[in-house]
N, C-alpha and C. Protein backbone atom coordinates (compact mmCIF):
# COMPACT_ATOMS: atom_id res chain seq x y z
N MET A 1 34.12 -8.91 -1.36
CA MET A 1 34.42 -7.75 -2.20
C MET A 1 33.19 -7.36 -3.01
N PRO A 2 33.03 -6.05 -3.32
CA PRO A 2 31.89 -5.63 -4.12
C PRO A 2 31.91 -6.25 -5.50
N ARG A 3 30.73 -6.58 -6.00
CA ARG A 3 30.64 -7.11 -7.35
C ARG A 3 30.95 -6.02 -8.36
N GLN A 4 31.52 -6.40 -9.49
CA GLN A 4 31.87 -5.45 -10.53
C GLN A 4 30.78 -5.41 -11.58
N PRO A 5 30.29 -4.22 -11.96
CA PRO A 5 29.24 -4.12 -12.97
C PRO A 5 29.80 -4.41 -14.35
N PRO A 6 28.94 -4.79 -15.29
CA PRO A 6 29.39 -5.07 -16.64
C PRO A 6 29.84 -3.80 -17.35
N ALA A 7 30.80 -3.93 -18.24
CA ALA A 7 31.28 -2.78 -18.99
C ALA A 7 30.62 -2.75 -20.35
N ASP A 8 29.39 -2.25 -20.41
CA ASP A 8 28.68 -2.14 -21.68
C ASP A 8 27.90 -0.84 -21.68
N SER A 9 27.08 -0.66 -22.71
CA SER A 9 26.39 0.62 -22.88
C SER A 9 25.41 0.90 -21.76
N ALA A 10 24.89 -0.15 -21.09
CA ALA A 10 23.94 0.05 -20.01
C ALA A 10 24.63 0.04 -18.65
N SER A 11 25.94 0.06 -18.66
CA SER A 11 26.70 -0.12 -17.43
C SER A 11 26.58 1.07 -16.50
N PRO A 12 26.40 0.82 -15.19
CA PRO A 12 26.39 1.90 -14.22
C PRO A 12 27.77 2.45 -13.95
N GLU A 13 28.82 1.90 -14.61
CA GLU A 13 30.15 2.47 -14.48
C GLU A 13 30.22 3.90 -15.03
N THR A 14 29.36 4.20 -16.00
CA THR A 14 29.35 5.53 -16.61
C THR A 14 29.06 6.58 -15.54
N PRO A 15 29.88 7.64 -15.46
CA PRO A 15 29.61 8.70 -14.47
C PRO A 15 28.23 9.31 -14.69
N ARG A 16 27.45 9.42 -13.63
CA ARG A 16 26.11 9.95 -13.73
C ARG A 16 25.87 10.95 -12.61
N ALA A 17 25.09 11.96 -12.90
CA ALA A 17 24.79 12.98 -11.91
C ALA A 17 23.68 12.50 -10.99
N ARG A 18 23.82 12.81 -9.71
CA ARG A 18 22.73 12.51 -8.78
C ARG A 18 21.54 13.40 -9.09
N LEU A 19 20.35 12.85 -8.96
CA LEU A 19 19.15 13.64 -9.21
C LEU A 19 18.94 14.58 -8.02
N PRO A 20 18.82 15.89 -8.28
CA PRO A 20 18.66 16.85 -7.20
C PRO A 20 17.21 16.91 -6.71
N ARG A 21 17.00 17.62 -5.62
CA ARG A 21 15.66 17.73 -5.07
C ARG A 21 14.70 18.39 -6.06
N ALA A 22 15.23 19.31 -6.87
CA ALA A 22 14.37 19.99 -7.85
C ALA A 22 13.75 19.01 -8.84
N PHE A 23 14.43 17.90 -9.10
CA PHE A 23 13.87 16.90 -10.02
C PHE A 23 12.57 16.34 -9.46
N PHE A 24 12.55 16.11 -8.14
CA PHE A 24 11.38 15.50 -7.51
C PHE A 24 10.31 16.51 -7.12
N ALA A 25 10.68 17.79 -7.05
CA ALA A 25 9.74 18.83 -6.63
C ALA A 25 8.85 19.26 -7.79
N ARG A 26 8.27 18.29 -8.47
CA ARG A 26 7.39 18.51 -9.61
C ARG A 26 6.21 17.55 -9.51
N PRO A 27 5.18 17.73 -10.33
CA PRO A 27 4.02 16.82 -10.25
C PRO A 27 4.43 15.36 -10.41
N SER A 28 3.79 14.49 -9.67
CA SER A 28 4.18 13.08 -9.64
C SER A 28 4.11 12.39 -11.01
N PRO A 29 3.13 12.68 -11.89
CA PRO A 29 3.14 12.00 -13.20
C PRO A 29 4.39 12.32 -14.01
N LEU A 30 4.85 13.56 -13.93
CA LEU A 30 6.05 13.94 -14.67
C LEU A 30 7.29 13.24 -14.10
N VAL A 31 7.39 13.21 -12.78
CA VAL A 31 8.53 12.54 -12.15
C VAL A 31 8.50 11.04 -12.43
N ALA A 32 7.31 10.44 -12.36
CA ALA A 32 7.19 9.00 -12.61
C ALA A 32 7.65 8.64 -14.01
N ARG A 33 7.28 9.45 -14.98
CA ARG A 33 7.68 9.19 -16.36
C ARG A 33 9.18 9.38 -16.54
N GLU A 34 9.73 10.45 -15.96
CA GLU A 34 11.14 10.77 -16.20
C GLU A 34 12.09 9.94 -15.34
N LEU A 35 11.57 9.23 -14.36
CA LEU A 35 12.42 8.30 -13.60
C LEU A 35 12.78 7.06 -14.41
N LEU A 36 11.97 6.74 -15.41
CA LEU A 36 12.28 5.58 -16.25
C LEU A 36 13.63 5.77 -16.93
N GLY A 37 14.46 4.77 -16.83
CA GLY A 37 15.80 4.86 -17.40
C GLY A 37 16.82 5.46 -16.47
N CYS A 38 16.38 6.06 -15.37
CA CYS A 38 17.32 6.54 -14.36
C CYS A 38 17.77 5.38 -13.48
N TRP A 39 18.73 5.64 -12.61
CA TRP A 39 19.32 4.60 -11.78
C TRP A 39 19.06 4.87 -10.31
N MET A 40 18.66 3.83 -9.60
CA MET A 40 18.58 3.91 -8.15
C MET A 40 19.76 3.15 -7.58
N VAL A 41 20.47 3.78 -6.66
CA VAL A 41 21.65 3.17 -6.04
C VAL A 41 21.34 2.87 -4.59
N ARG A 42 21.61 1.65 -4.19
CA ARG A 42 21.38 1.21 -2.80
C ARG A 42 22.71 0.75 -2.22
N ARG A 43 23.18 1.45 -1.20
CA ARG A 43 24.43 1.09 -0.55
C ARG A 43 24.13 0.20 0.66
N LEU A 44 24.74 -0.98 0.66
CA LEU A 44 24.62 -1.91 1.78
C LEU A 44 26.02 -2.30 2.22
N ARG A 45 26.39 -1.79 3.39
CA ARG A 45 27.75 -2.01 3.88
C ARG A 45 28.75 -1.49 2.84
N ARG A 46 29.61 -2.33 2.28
CA ARG A 46 30.61 -1.86 1.32
C ARG A 46 30.20 -2.11 -0.12
N GLU A 47 28.98 -2.56 -0.35
CA GLU A 47 28.53 -2.87 -1.70
C GLU A 47 27.46 -1.89 -2.15
N GLU A 48 27.48 -1.54 -3.43
CA GLU A 48 26.46 -0.69 -4.01
C GLU A 48 25.71 -1.45 -5.09
N PHE A 49 24.41 -1.52 -4.95
CA PHE A 49 23.54 -2.13 -5.95
C PHE A 49 23.01 -1.02 -6.85
N ARG A 50 23.08 -1.22 -8.16
CA ARG A 50 22.64 -0.21 -9.12
C ARG A 50 21.54 -0.80 -9.99
N VAL A 51 20.37 -0.18 -9.89
CA VAL A 51 19.17 -0.69 -10.54
C VAL A 51 18.63 0.36 -11.50
N GLU A 52 18.42 -0.04 -12.75
CA GLU A 52 17.80 0.84 -13.74
C GLU A 52 16.29 0.76 -13.60
N ILE A 53 15.64 1.90 -13.41
CA ILE A 53 14.20 1.93 -13.17
C ILE A 53 13.43 1.66 -14.46
N THR A 54 12.49 0.71 -14.38
CA THR A 54 11.72 0.32 -15.56
C THR A 54 10.21 0.45 -15.38
N GLU A 55 9.75 0.69 -14.15
CA GLU A 55 8.30 0.77 -13.93
C GLU A 55 8.01 1.64 -12.72
N THR A 56 7.06 2.58 -12.89
CA THR A 56 6.67 3.48 -11.81
C THR A 56 5.17 3.71 -11.86
N GLU A 57 4.64 4.25 -10.76
CA GLU A 57 3.25 4.71 -10.71
C GLU A 57 3.20 6.05 -10.00
N ALA A 58 2.34 6.93 -10.48
CA ALA A 58 2.18 8.24 -9.86
C ALA A 58 0.94 8.27 -8.99
N TYR A 59 1.06 8.93 -7.83
CA TYR A 59 -0.06 9.15 -6.92
C TYR A 59 -0.18 10.64 -6.66
N LEU A 60 -1.43 11.15 -6.73
CA LEU A 60 -1.66 12.59 -6.86
C LEU A 60 -1.92 13.31 -5.55
N GLY A 61 -1.83 12.63 -4.43
CA GLY A 61 -1.98 13.31 -3.15
C GLY A 61 -3.39 13.27 -2.60
N SER A 62 -3.75 14.34 -1.90
CA SER A 62 -5.00 14.35 -1.14
C SER A 62 -6.24 14.29 -2.01
N THR A 63 -6.12 14.55 -3.31
CA THR A 63 -7.27 14.47 -4.21
C THR A 63 -7.40 13.10 -4.88
N ASP A 64 -6.47 12.21 -4.58
CA ASP A 64 -6.39 10.90 -5.25
C ASP A 64 -6.92 9.82 -4.31
N PRO A 65 -8.10 9.22 -4.60
CA PRO A 65 -8.65 8.20 -3.71
C PRO A 65 -7.75 6.99 -3.53
N ALA A 66 -6.81 6.76 -4.44
CA ALA A 66 -5.92 5.61 -4.34
C ALA A 66 -4.68 5.91 -3.50
N SER A 67 -4.53 7.14 -3.05
CA SER A 67 -3.34 7.54 -2.29
C SER A 67 -3.56 7.34 -0.80
N HIS A 68 -2.50 7.01 -0.09
CA HIS A 68 -2.57 6.92 1.37
C HIS A 68 -2.91 8.27 1.99
N ALA A 69 -2.66 9.36 1.27
CA ALA A 69 -2.89 10.70 1.81
C ALA A 69 -4.33 11.17 1.61
N PHE A 70 -5.17 10.38 1.00
CA PHE A 70 -6.52 10.81 0.65
C PHE A 70 -7.34 11.19 1.87
N ARG A 71 -7.12 10.51 2.98
CA ARG A 71 -7.89 10.79 4.20
C ARG A 71 -7.13 11.70 5.17
N GLY A 72 -6.10 12.34 4.68
CA GLY A 72 -5.38 13.27 5.53
C GLY A 72 -4.12 12.68 6.13
N ARG A 73 -3.43 13.50 6.89
CA ARG A 73 -2.13 13.13 7.45
C ARG A 73 -2.29 12.22 8.65
N THR A 74 -1.48 11.17 8.69
CA THR A 74 -1.43 10.25 9.81
C THR A 74 0.04 10.00 10.16
N ARG A 75 0.26 9.28 11.23
CA ARG A 75 1.64 8.94 11.59
C ARG A 75 2.29 8.08 10.50
N ARG A 76 1.50 7.22 9.87
CA ARG A 76 2.04 6.33 8.85
C ARG A 76 2.47 7.10 7.59
N ASN A 77 1.60 8.01 7.12
CA ASN A 77 1.88 8.66 5.84
C ASN A 77 2.58 10.01 5.98
N ALA A 78 3.05 10.35 7.18
CA ALA A 78 3.66 11.66 7.43
C ALA A 78 4.77 12.03 6.45
N PRO A 79 5.65 11.07 6.02
CA PRO A 79 6.69 11.46 5.07
C PRO A 79 6.14 12.05 3.77
N MET A 80 4.93 11.67 3.37
CA MET A 80 4.36 12.17 2.12
C MET A 80 4.10 13.68 2.18
N PHE A 81 3.96 14.22 3.37
CA PHE A 81 3.67 15.64 3.53
C PHE A 81 4.94 16.48 3.67
N GLY A 82 6.09 15.84 3.60
CA GLY A 82 7.36 16.54 3.73
C GLY A 82 7.87 17.03 2.39
N MET A 83 9.14 17.40 2.37
CA MET A 83 9.71 17.94 1.14
C MET A 83 9.95 16.83 0.11
N ALA A 84 10.06 17.23 -1.12
CA ALA A 84 10.31 16.29 -2.21
C ALA A 84 11.66 15.60 -2.01
N GLY A 85 11.74 14.37 -2.54
CA GLY A 85 13.00 13.63 -2.45
C GLY A 85 13.16 12.83 -1.18
N ILE A 86 12.08 12.65 -0.43
CA ILE A 86 12.08 11.84 0.79
C ILE A 86 11.48 10.47 0.47
N ALA A 87 12.00 9.43 1.08
CA ALA A 87 11.46 8.08 0.87
C ALA A 87 10.22 7.86 1.73
N TYR A 88 9.22 7.24 1.14
CA TYR A 88 8.05 6.78 1.89
C TYR A 88 7.95 5.28 1.68
N VAL A 89 8.20 4.51 2.73
CA VAL A 89 8.17 3.05 2.68
C VAL A 89 7.07 2.56 3.60
N TYR A 90 6.28 1.62 3.12
CA TYR A 90 5.22 1.06 3.96
C TYR A 90 5.15 -0.45 3.78
N PHE A 91 4.48 -1.09 4.74
CA PHE A 91 4.33 -2.54 4.79
C PHE A 91 2.92 -2.88 4.32
N VAL A 92 2.79 -3.86 3.43
CA VAL A 92 1.48 -4.18 2.86
C VAL A 92 1.25 -5.69 2.86
N TYR A 93 0.00 -6.09 3.00
CA TYR A 93 -0.41 -7.49 3.02
C TYR A 93 0.26 -8.28 4.14
N GLY A 94 0.82 -7.60 5.11
CA GLY A 94 1.46 -8.28 6.22
C GLY A 94 2.73 -9.01 5.86
N MET A 95 3.31 -8.72 4.66
CA MET A 95 4.49 -9.48 4.26
C MET A 95 5.46 -8.73 3.35
N HIS A 96 5.07 -7.61 2.73
CA HIS A 96 5.91 -6.97 1.73
C HIS A 96 6.05 -5.48 2.00
N TYR A 97 7.17 -4.92 1.51
CA TYR A 97 7.42 -3.49 1.59
C TYR A 97 7.28 -2.87 0.20
N CYS A 98 6.89 -1.60 0.17
CA CYS A 98 6.82 -0.83 -1.06
C CYS A 98 7.57 0.48 -0.88
N PHE A 99 8.30 0.87 -1.92
CA PHE A 99 9.17 2.04 -1.85
C PHE A 99 8.64 3.15 -2.74
N ASN A 100 8.44 4.32 -2.16
CA ASN A 100 7.94 5.49 -2.87
C ASN A 100 8.89 6.67 -2.67
N VAL A 101 8.84 7.60 -3.61
CA VAL A 101 9.58 8.86 -3.50
C VAL A 101 8.56 9.99 -3.43
N VAL A 102 8.68 10.83 -2.43
CA VAL A 102 7.78 11.98 -2.29
C VAL A 102 8.11 13.00 -3.38
N THR A 103 7.07 13.56 -3.99
CA THR A 103 7.24 14.53 -5.07
C THR A 103 6.39 15.77 -4.79
N GLY A 104 6.52 16.75 -5.68
CA GLY A 104 5.72 17.96 -5.55
C GLY A 104 6.22 18.89 -4.45
N ALA A 105 5.36 19.83 -4.05
CA ALA A 105 5.71 20.80 -3.02
C ALA A 105 5.44 20.23 -1.63
N ALA A 106 6.19 20.71 -0.65
CA ALA A 106 5.96 20.29 0.74
C ALA A 106 4.51 20.61 1.13
N GLY A 107 3.87 19.65 1.79
CA GLY A 107 2.48 19.81 2.18
C GLY A 107 1.49 19.30 1.16
N ASP A 108 1.93 19.06 -0.06
CA ASP A 108 1.09 18.48 -1.11
C ASP A 108 1.56 17.04 -1.30
N PRO A 109 0.90 16.07 -0.66
CA PRO A 109 1.45 14.71 -0.51
C PRO A 109 1.38 13.84 -1.77
N GLN A 110 2.11 14.24 -2.80
CA GLN A 110 2.23 13.41 -3.98
C GLN A 110 3.39 12.43 -3.81
N ALA A 111 3.36 11.35 -4.56
CA ALA A 111 4.43 10.35 -4.46
C ALA A 111 4.49 9.51 -5.72
N VAL A 112 5.64 8.90 -5.93
CA VAL A 112 5.85 7.96 -7.04
C VAL A 112 6.25 6.61 -6.44
N LEU A 113 5.51 5.59 -6.78
CA LEU A 113 5.83 4.23 -6.36
C LEU A 113 6.77 3.61 -7.40
N VAL A 114 7.91 3.12 -6.94
CA VAL A 114 8.84 2.41 -7.83
C VAL A 114 8.39 0.96 -7.89
N ARG A 115 7.91 0.54 -9.05
CA ARG A 115 7.34 -0.80 -9.18
C ARG A 115 8.30 -1.83 -9.74
N GLY A 116 9.40 -1.41 -10.33
CA GLY A 116 10.29 -2.41 -10.90
C GLY A 116 11.53 -1.80 -11.50
N GLY A 117 12.52 -2.67 -11.72
CA GLY A 117 13.78 -2.24 -12.31
C GLY A 117 14.60 -3.44 -12.74
N VAL A 118 15.81 -3.17 -13.21
CA VAL A 118 16.75 -4.22 -13.59
C VAL A 118 18.05 -3.98 -12.84
N ASP A 119 18.44 -4.95 -12.04
CA ASP A 119 19.68 -4.85 -11.27
C ASP A 119 20.86 -5.16 -12.18
N HIS A 120 21.68 -4.14 -12.45
CA HIS A 120 22.86 -4.29 -13.30
C HIS A 120 24.14 -4.42 -12.48
N THR A 121 24.01 -4.73 -11.20
CA THR A 121 25.20 -4.81 -10.36
C THR A 121 26.12 -5.94 -10.78
N GLY A 122 25.55 -7.07 -11.17
CA GLY A 122 26.35 -8.22 -11.59
C GLY A 122 26.61 -8.22 -13.07
N ALA A 123 27.13 -9.33 -13.56
CA ALA A 123 27.50 -9.44 -14.98
C ALA A 123 26.27 -9.53 -15.87
N THR A 124 25.15 -9.97 -15.32
CA THR A 124 23.92 -10.11 -16.09
C THR A 124 22.81 -9.34 -15.40
N GLY A 125 22.06 -8.55 -16.17
CA GLY A 125 20.96 -7.79 -15.59
C GLY A 125 19.89 -8.71 -15.04
N ILE A 126 19.45 -8.43 -13.81
CA ILE A 126 18.45 -9.26 -13.14
C ILE A 126 17.16 -8.46 -13.02
N PRO A 127 16.07 -8.88 -13.68
CA PRO A 127 14.80 -8.16 -13.56
C PRO A 127 14.26 -8.22 -12.14
N LEU A 128 13.74 -7.10 -11.68
CA LEU A 128 13.08 -7.03 -10.37
C LEU A 128 11.67 -6.50 -10.58
N PRO A 129 10.78 -7.34 -11.11
CA PRO A 129 9.42 -6.87 -11.41
C PRO A 129 8.55 -6.83 -10.16
N GLY A 130 7.83 -5.76 -9.99
CA GLY A 130 6.92 -5.64 -8.86
C GLY A 130 7.58 -5.00 -7.65
N PRO A 131 6.84 -4.18 -6.91
CA PRO A 131 7.42 -3.45 -5.78
C PRO A 131 7.91 -4.35 -4.66
N ALA A 132 7.27 -5.50 -4.43
CA ALA A 132 7.69 -6.40 -3.36
C ALA A 132 9.06 -7.01 -3.66
N ARG A 133 9.23 -7.53 -4.87
CA ARG A 133 10.51 -8.12 -5.25
C ARG A 133 11.60 -7.05 -5.29
N PHE A 134 11.25 -5.86 -5.75
CA PHE A 134 12.20 -4.75 -5.82
C PHE A 134 12.75 -4.45 -4.43
N CYS A 135 11.87 -4.31 -3.46
CA CYS A 135 12.30 -3.99 -2.09
C CYS A 135 13.06 -5.14 -1.45
N ARG A 136 12.62 -6.34 -1.70
CA ARG A 136 13.30 -7.49 -1.09
C ARG A 136 14.72 -7.62 -1.62
N ALA A 137 14.92 -7.41 -2.91
CA ALA A 137 16.25 -7.55 -3.50
C ALA A 137 17.21 -6.49 -2.98
N LEU A 138 16.69 -5.31 -2.64
CA LEU A 138 17.53 -4.20 -2.20
C LEU A 138 17.50 -3.99 -0.70
N SER A 139 16.91 -4.95 0.03
CA SER A 139 16.85 -4.88 1.50
C SER A 139 16.25 -3.56 1.97
N ILE A 140 15.14 -3.19 1.34
CA ILE A 140 14.43 -1.98 1.73
C ILE A 140 13.30 -2.36 2.68
N ASP A 141 13.29 -1.71 3.85
CA ASP A 141 12.24 -1.95 4.83
C ASP A 141 11.90 -0.64 5.52
N LEU A 142 11.20 -0.70 6.65
CA LEU A 142 10.76 0.52 7.32
C LEU A 142 11.91 1.35 7.86
N ALA A 143 13.08 0.77 7.96
CA ALA A 143 14.24 1.56 8.39
C ALA A 143 14.59 2.62 7.35
N CYS A 144 14.14 2.44 6.11
CA CYS A 144 14.40 3.40 5.03
C CYS A 144 13.33 4.48 4.96
N ASN A 145 12.25 4.32 5.70
CA ASN A 145 11.15 5.28 5.65
C ASN A 145 11.62 6.65 6.13
N GLY A 146 11.35 7.68 5.37
CA GLY A 146 11.74 9.03 5.73
C GLY A 146 13.16 9.41 5.35
N ALA A 147 13.89 8.50 4.71
CA ALA A 147 15.27 8.80 4.33
C ALA A 147 15.31 9.90 3.28
N ASP A 148 16.30 10.78 3.39
CA ASP A 148 16.50 11.84 2.41
C ASP A 148 17.31 11.27 1.25
N LEU A 149 16.71 11.22 0.07
CA LEU A 149 17.33 10.62 -1.11
C LEU A 149 18.17 11.62 -1.90
N CYS A 150 18.22 12.85 -1.44
CA CYS A 150 18.92 13.90 -2.18
C CYS A 150 20.07 14.52 -1.40
N GLN A 151 20.42 13.93 -0.28
CA GLN A 151 21.49 14.48 0.55
C GLN A 151 22.85 14.05 -0.01
N PRO A 152 23.65 14.99 -0.48
CA PRO A 152 24.93 14.64 -1.12
C PRO A 152 25.87 13.90 -0.17
N ALA A 153 26.53 12.88 -0.70
CA ALA A 153 27.58 12.15 0.01
C ALA A 153 27.10 11.56 1.33
N ALA A 154 25.82 11.34 1.46
CA ALA A 154 25.28 10.75 2.68
C ALA A 154 24.07 9.89 2.31
N GLY A 155 23.67 9.07 3.22
CA GLY A 155 22.51 8.23 2.98
C GLY A 155 22.87 6.97 2.22
N ALA A 156 21.96 6.02 2.26
CA ALA A 156 22.21 4.72 1.66
C ALA A 156 21.41 4.48 0.39
N ILE A 157 20.59 5.45 -0.02
CA ILE A 157 19.80 5.33 -1.24
C ILE A 157 19.80 6.67 -1.95
N TRP A 158 20.04 6.65 -3.25
CA TRP A 158 19.92 7.87 -4.04
C TRP A 158 19.63 7.49 -5.49
N PHE A 159 19.31 8.50 -6.29
CA PHE A 159 19.01 8.29 -7.71
C PHE A 159 20.04 9.03 -8.56
N GLU A 160 20.33 8.46 -9.73
CA GLU A 160 21.24 9.07 -10.68
C GLU A 160 20.56 9.17 -12.04
N SER A 161 21.02 10.09 -12.85
CA SER A 161 20.42 10.33 -14.16
C SER A 161 20.62 9.13 -15.08
N GLY A 162 19.77 9.04 -16.09
CA GLY A 162 19.88 7.98 -17.07
C GLY A 162 20.87 8.34 -18.16
N GLY A 163 20.85 7.55 -19.23
CA GLY A 163 21.81 7.74 -20.30
C GLY A 163 21.49 8.88 -21.24
N GLY A 164 20.28 9.43 -21.17
CA GLY A 164 19.91 10.54 -22.02
C GLY A 164 19.27 10.15 -23.33
N ALA A 165 19.42 8.89 -23.77
CA ALA A 165 18.82 8.44 -25.01
C ALA A 165 17.32 8.23 -24.82
N PRO A 166 16.50 8.59 -25.82
CA PRO A 166 15.05 8.37 -25.71
C PRO A 166 14.73 6.88 -25.53
N ILE A 167 13.75 6.58 -24.69
CA ILE A 167 13.33 5.21 -24.49
C ILE A 167 11.83 5.11 -24.73
N PRO A 168 11.35 3.99 -25.29
CA PRO A 168 9.91 3.83 -25.48
C PRO A 168 9.21 3.67 -24.14
N ILE A 169 8.07 4.30 -24.00
CA ILE A 169 7.34 4.27 -22.73
C ILE A 169 5.92 3.81 -22.97
N VAL A 170 5.46 2.89 -22.13
CA VAL A 170 4.08 2.40 -22.16
C VAL A 170 3.36 3.00 -20.96
N VAL A 171 2.15 3.50 -21.18
CA VAL A 171 1.36 4.09 -20.11
C VAL A 171 0.07 3.28 -19.95
N THR A 172 -0.23 2.86 -18.71
CA THR A 172 -1.42 2.05 -18.44
C THR A 172 -2.07 2.55 -17.14
N PRO A 173 -3.27 2.04 -16.82
CA PRO A 173 -3.82 2.30 -15.49
C PRO A 173 -2.94 1.67 -14.41
N ARG A 174 -3.06 2.17 -13.21
CA ARG A 174 -2.30 1.63 -12.10
C ARG A 174 -2.78 0.24 -11.72
N VAL A 175 -1.94 -0.48 -11.02
CA VAL A 175 -2.22 -1.86 -10.64
C VAL A 175 -2.83 -1.91 -9.24
N GLY A 176 -3.90 -2.70 -9.08
CA GLY A 176 -4.44 -2.96 -7.75
C GLY A 176 -5.33 -1.87 -7.19
N VAL A 177 -5.68 -0.87 -7.99
CA VAL A 177 -6.61 0.16 -7.54
C VAL A 177 -7.74 0.28 -8.54
N ARG A 178 -8.88 0.76 -8.09
CA ARG A 178 -10.06 0.79 -8.94
C ARG A 178 -10.04 1.92 -9.96
N ASP A 179 -9.32 2.98 -9.67
CA ASP A 179 -9.26 4.11 -10.57
C ASP A 179 -8.52 3.73 -11.85
N GLY A 180 -9.04 4.13 -13.00
CA GLY A 180 -8.45 3.75 -14.28
C GLY A 180 -7.56 4.80 -14.89
N SER A 181 -7.13 5.78 -14.11
CA SER A 181 -6.30 6.85 -14.65
C SER A 181 -4.98 6.29 -15.18
N PRO A 182 -4.50 6.78 -16.31
CA PRO A 182 -3.25 6.27 -16.90
C PRO A 182 -2.03 6.85 -16.18
N LEU A 183 -1.70 6.27 -15.04
CA LEU A 183 -0.64 6.80 -14.19
C LEU A 183 0.44 5.76 -13.87
N ARG A 184 0.46 4.69 -14.66
CA ARG A 184 1.52 3.69 -14.54
C ARG A 184 2.40 3.81 -15.78
N PHE A 185 3.71 3.86 -15.55
CA PHE A 185 4.66 4.09 -16.64
C PHE A 185 5.68 2.96 -16.67
N LEU A 186 5.91 2.40 -17.88
CA LEU A 186 6.84 1.29 -18.04
C LEU A 186 7.71 1.54 -19.27
N THR A 187 8.93 1.04 -19.22
CA THR A 187 9.74 1.05 -20.43
C THR A 187 9.17 0.02 -21.38
N GLY A 188 8.96 0.39 -22.62
CA GLY A 188 8.31 -0.49 -23.59
C GLY A 188 9.29 -1.34 -24.36
N PRO A 189 8.78 -2.33 -25.13
CA PRO A 189 7.35 -2.58 -25.31
C PRO A 189 6.71 -3.37 -24.18
N THR A 190 7.49 -4.12 -23.42
CA THR A 190 6.95 -4.86 -22.28
C THR A 190 7.94 -4.78 -21.15
N PRO A 191 7.46 -4.83 -19.88
CA PRO A 191 8.36 -4.79 -18.74
C PRO A 191 9.13 -6.09 -18.62
N PRO A 192 10.31 -6.08 -17.95
CA PRO A 192 11.06 -7.31 -17.75
C PRO A 192 10.29 -8.28 -16.88
N ARG A 193 10.49 -9.56 -17.14
CA ARG A 193 9.81 -10.60 -16.37
C ARG A 193 10.82 -11.44 -15.62
N GLY A 194 10.48 -11.79 -14.40
CA GLY A 194 11.32 -12.66 -13.62
C GLY A 194 10.50 -13.85 -13.16
N PRO A 195 11.06 -14.72 -12.31
CA PRO A 195 10.30 -15.84 -11.78
C PRO A 195 9.05 -15.34 -11.07
N LYS A 196 7.97 -16.07 -11.21
CA LYS A 196 6.71 -15.66 -10.60
C LYS A 196 6.83 -15.65 -9.09
N LEU A 197 6.39 -14.54 -8.48
CA LEU A 197 6.45 -14.40 -7.04
C LEU A 197 5.14 -14.90 -6.45
N ALA A 198 5.23 -15.89 -5.58
CA ALA A 198 4.03 -16.46 -4.98
C ALA A 198 3.50 -15.48 -3.93
N LEU A 199 2.30 -14.97 -4.16
CA LEU A 199 1.69 -14.03 -3.24
C LEU A 199 0.27 -14.48 -2.90
N LYS A 200 -0.06 -14.35 -1.64
CA LYS A 200 -1.44 -14.55 -1.24
C LYS A 200 -2.05 -13.16 -1.17
N ARG A 201 -2.60 -12.71 -2.28
CA ARG A 201 -3.04 -11.33 -2.39
C ARG A 201 -4.48 -11.18 -1.91
N LYS A 202 -4.71 -10.05 -1.29
CA LYS A 202 -6.06 -9.67 -0.90
C LYS A 202 -6.46 -8.45 -1.72
N ARG A 203 -7.74 -8.14 -1.69
CA ARG A 203 -8.19 -6.95 -2.39
C ARG A 203 -7.54 -5.73 -1.77
N ALA A 204 -6.99 -4.85 -2.59
CA ALA A 204 -6.32 -3.66 -2.08
C ALA A 204 -7.36 -2.74 -1.42
N PRO A 205 -7.05 -2.26 -0.22
CA PRO A 205 -7.98 -1.35 0.44
C PRO A 205 -8.02 0.00 -0.25
N LYS A 206 -9.06 0.76 -0.01
CA LYS A 206 -9.13 2.10 -0.54
C LYS A 206 -7.97 2.93 0.04
N GLY A 207 -7.43 3.81 -0.76
CA GLY A 207 -6.31 4.60 -0.29
C GLY A 207 -5.06 3.78 -0.19
N SER A 208 -4.77 2.98 -1.20
CA SER A 208 -3.61 2.08 -1.14
C SER A 208 -2.65 2.34 -2.26
N LEU A 209 -1.40 2.57 -1.91
CA LEU A 209 -0.33 2.71 -2.89
C LEU A 209 0.26 1.33 -3.13
N VAL A 210 -0.35 0.55 -3.99
CA VAL A 210 0.14 -0.82 -4.22
C VAL A 210 0.25 -1.07 -5.72
């Protein structure tokens, strides 16, 4: 049977509106900031996992050396050139998946990397820090690549609005890229911490959404 969410102020039981495509059809820094406090819903068979977004990064498209789209369109990054509200999922370091949402106008390959959240599906919120742990907990892999996140009453992943109350936001440079632009957004004062994930990390290649 599906797990029951907690009945408190942060509970996903509260009716929430799905985020429309217009929400994502804006510059990636704005979407990345405003996704904080919103909810990502992942449907797996008869269960729905509800995760409050706590950390994001913005990627600016073909002008951004840290973006996969910097060197132009390829078979791998093709979803980034589509309409806003499409999922872009890729495999990194030969072991982990990362989940992005395409933003901006079609043909302008901007994206927001979801770096972390808190799973409120159970009785106790479970921190999911880092894009690898986030994807692993929600069973996100390449089968999700290109999924439409804004299609009503269909699909296995979508976003819902937050509670509307102001939340403190911390802005820092992105992780794992050389550019120091302040394009990483976290709910403040510090992001949630979970058990340390053992990773054999390599230097991130140029043009990497990591």
